[in-house]
C-alpha atoms as a PDB file:
ATOM      1  CA  MET A   1      -0.068   0.040  -0.176  1.00  0.00           C
ATOM      2  CA  ARG A   2       1.295   3.238  -0.913  1.00  0.00           C
ATOM      3  CA  THR A   3       1.053   6.283   1.605  1.00  0.00           C
ATOM      4  CA  THR A   4       3.115   9.586   2.476  1.00  0.00           C
ATOM      5  CA  ILE A   5       4.507  10.221   5.705  1.00  0.00           C
ATOM      6  CA  ASP A   6       6.973  12.664   7.141  1.00  0.00           C
ATOM      7  CA  ILE A   7      10.331  11.198   8.282  1.00  0.00           C
ATOM      8  CA  PRO A   8      13.243  13.682   9.911  1.00  0.00           C
ATOM      9  CA  GLU A   9      15.861  13.338   7.443  1.00  0.00           C
ATOM     10  CA  GLU A  10      18.528  11.933  10.117  1.00  0.00           C
ATOM     11  CA  ILE A  11      15.883   8.780  10.526  1.00  0.00           C
ATOM     12  CA  LEU A  12      15.602   8.555   6.571  1.00  0.00           C
ATOM     13  CA  ALA A  13      19.168   8.369   6.080  1.00  0.00           C
ATOM     14  CA  ALA A  14      19.886   5.817   8.741  1.00  0.00           C
ATOM     15  CA  ALA A  15      16.903   3.887   7.729  1.00  0.00           C
ATOM     16  CA  LYS A  16      18.446   3.668   3.832  1.00  0.00           C
ATOM     17  CA  GLN A  17      21.754   2.952   4.955  1.00  0.00           C
ATOM     18  CA  THR A  18      20.336  -0.038   6.723  1.00  0.00           C
ATOM     19  CA  GLY A  19      18.639  -0.772   3.725  1.00  0.00           C
ATOM     20  CA  LEU A  20      21.781  -0.791   1.839  1.00  0.00           C
ATOM     21  CA  GLU A  21      23.841  -2.940   4.111  1.00  0.00           C
ATOM     22  CA  ARG A  22      21.101  -5.442   4.274  1.00  0.00           C
ATOM     23  CA  GLY A  23      19.867  -5.653   0.576  1.00  0.00           C
ATOM     24  CA  LEU A  24      16.554  -4.199   1.517  1.00  0.00           C
ATOM     25  CA  THR A  25      14.411  -1.531   0.306  1.00  0.00           C
ATOM     26  CA  LEU A  26      13.687   1.399   2.056  1.00  0.00           C
ATOM     27  CA  SER A  27       9.852   0.227   2.144  1.00  0.00           C
ATOM     28  CA  ARG A  28      11.103  -3.277   3.461  1.00  0.00           C
ATOM     29  CA  VAL A  29      13.251  -1.362   6.387  1.00  0.00           C
ATOM     30  CA  VAL A  30      10.425   0.891   7.054  1.00  0.00           C
ATOM     31  CA  GLY A  31       7.874  -2.012   7.318  1.00  0.00           C
ATOM     32  CA  GLU A  32       9.943  -3.895   9.704  1.00  0.00           C
ATOM     33  CA  ALA A  33      10.609  -1.402  11.776  1.00  0.00           C
ATOM     34  CA  LEU A  34       6.664  -0.544  12.274  1.00  0.00           C
ATOM     35  CA  VAL A  35       6.034  -4.205  13.202  1.00  0.00           C
ATOM     36  CA  LEU A  36       8.914  -4.593  15.583  1.00  0.00           C
ATOM     37  CA  HIS A  37       7.893  -1.099  17.297  1.00  0.00           C
ATOM     38  CA  LEU A  38       3.998  -2.419  17.270  1.00  0.00           C
ATOM     39  CA  GLN A  39       5.102  -5.721  19.021  1.00  0.00           C
ATOM     40  CA  SER A  40       7.705  -4.119  21.427  1.00  0.00           C
ATOM     41  CA  ALA A  41       4.319  -1.690  22.559  1.00  0.00           C
ATOM     42  CA  LYS A  42       2.042  -4.500  22.666  1.00  0.00           C
ATOM     43  CA  GLU A  43       4.314  -6.311  25.130  1.00  0.00           C
ATOM     44  CA  LYS A  44       4.856  -3.575  27.817  1.00  0.00           C
ATOM     45  CA  ASP A  45       3.479  -4.228  31.148  1.00  0.00           C
ATOM     46  CA  PRO A  46       2.205  -0.684  31.542  1.00  0.00           C
ATOM     47  CA  GLN A  47       2.606   0.581  35.639  1.00  0.00           C
ATOM     48  CA  PHE A  48       0.570   2.884  37.267  1.00  0.00           C
ATOM     49  CA  GLU A  49       0.779   4.842  40.506  1.00  0.00           C
ATOM     50  CA  LEU A  50      -0.975   3.441  43.251  1.00  0.00           C
ATOM     51  CA  LEU A  51      -3.057   5.282  46.081  1.00  0.00           C
ATOM     52  CA  GLU A  52      -1.656   3.909  49.522  1.00  0.00           C
ATOM     53  CA  HIS A  53      -3.453   6.080  52.474  1.00  0.00           C
ATOM     54  CA  GLY A  54      -4.400   9.070  50.580  1.00  0.00           C
ATOM     55  CA  GLU A  55      -0.900   9.544  49.185  1.00  0.00           C
ATOM     56  CA  LEU A  56       0.969   8.680  45.940  1.00  0.00           C
ATOM     57  CA  GLY A  57       2.642   5.589  46.580  1.00  0.00           C
ATOM     58  CA  GLY A  58       5.002   2.843  45.011  1.00  0.00           C
ATOM     59  CA  LYS A  59       4.453   1.419  41.516  1.00  0.00           C
ATOM     60  CA  CYS A  60       1.923  -1.348  41.117  1.00  0.00           C
ATOM     61  CA  PRO A  61       3.321  -4.790  40.085  1.00  0.00           C
ATOM     62  CA  SER A  62       3.327  -5.602  36.540  1.00  0.00           C
ATOM     63  CA  ARG A  63       1.246  -9.065  35.810  1.00  0.00           C
ATOM     64  CA  THR A  64       4.720 -10.678  34.959  1.00  0.00           C
ATOM     65  CA  GLN A  65       5.841  -9.711  38.361  1.00  0.00           C
ATOM     66  CA  ILE A  66       2.631 -10.804  40.407  1.00  0.00           C
ATOM     67  CA  TYR A  67       3.028 -14.275  38.560  1.00  0.00           C
ATOM     68  CA  GLN A  68       6.804 -14.578  39.553  1.00  0.00           C
ATOM     69  CA  LEU A  69       5.593 -13.641  43.198  1.00  0.00           C
ATOM     70  CA  LEU A  70       3.088 -16.168  42.992  1.00  0.00           C
ATOM     71  CA  ASP A  71       5.223 -19.170  41.669  1.00  0.00           C
ATOM     72  CA  GLU A  72       7.755 -18.458  44.305  1.00  0.00           C
ATOM     73  CA  GLN A  73       5.392 -18.566  47.225  1.00  0.00           C
ATOM     74  CA  GLU A  74       4.251 -22.274  45.604  1.00  0.00           C
ATOM     75  CA  ARG A  75       7.729 -23.301  45.987  1.00  0.00           C
ATOM     76  CA  GLY A  76       7.885 -22.050  49.537  1.00  0.00           C
ATOM     77  CA  GLY A  77      10.567 -19.127  48.660  1.00  0.00           C
END
């Protein structure tokens, strides 16, 4: 699919250089970069501030951290 986007000159130059080095078209380099970025964004576990006793406290543990703690407890650790 064709589209038009504005890319900073230094990013465009780096993408073109990457394409030359890897034998890929600019479209392929940009497409792969977008896929990696979007996958990375999905995999991140967002954290947010918790209120403890009416004041901002620590960070909420991520889902991964909660599962790790539960696994440790089951193993007696």
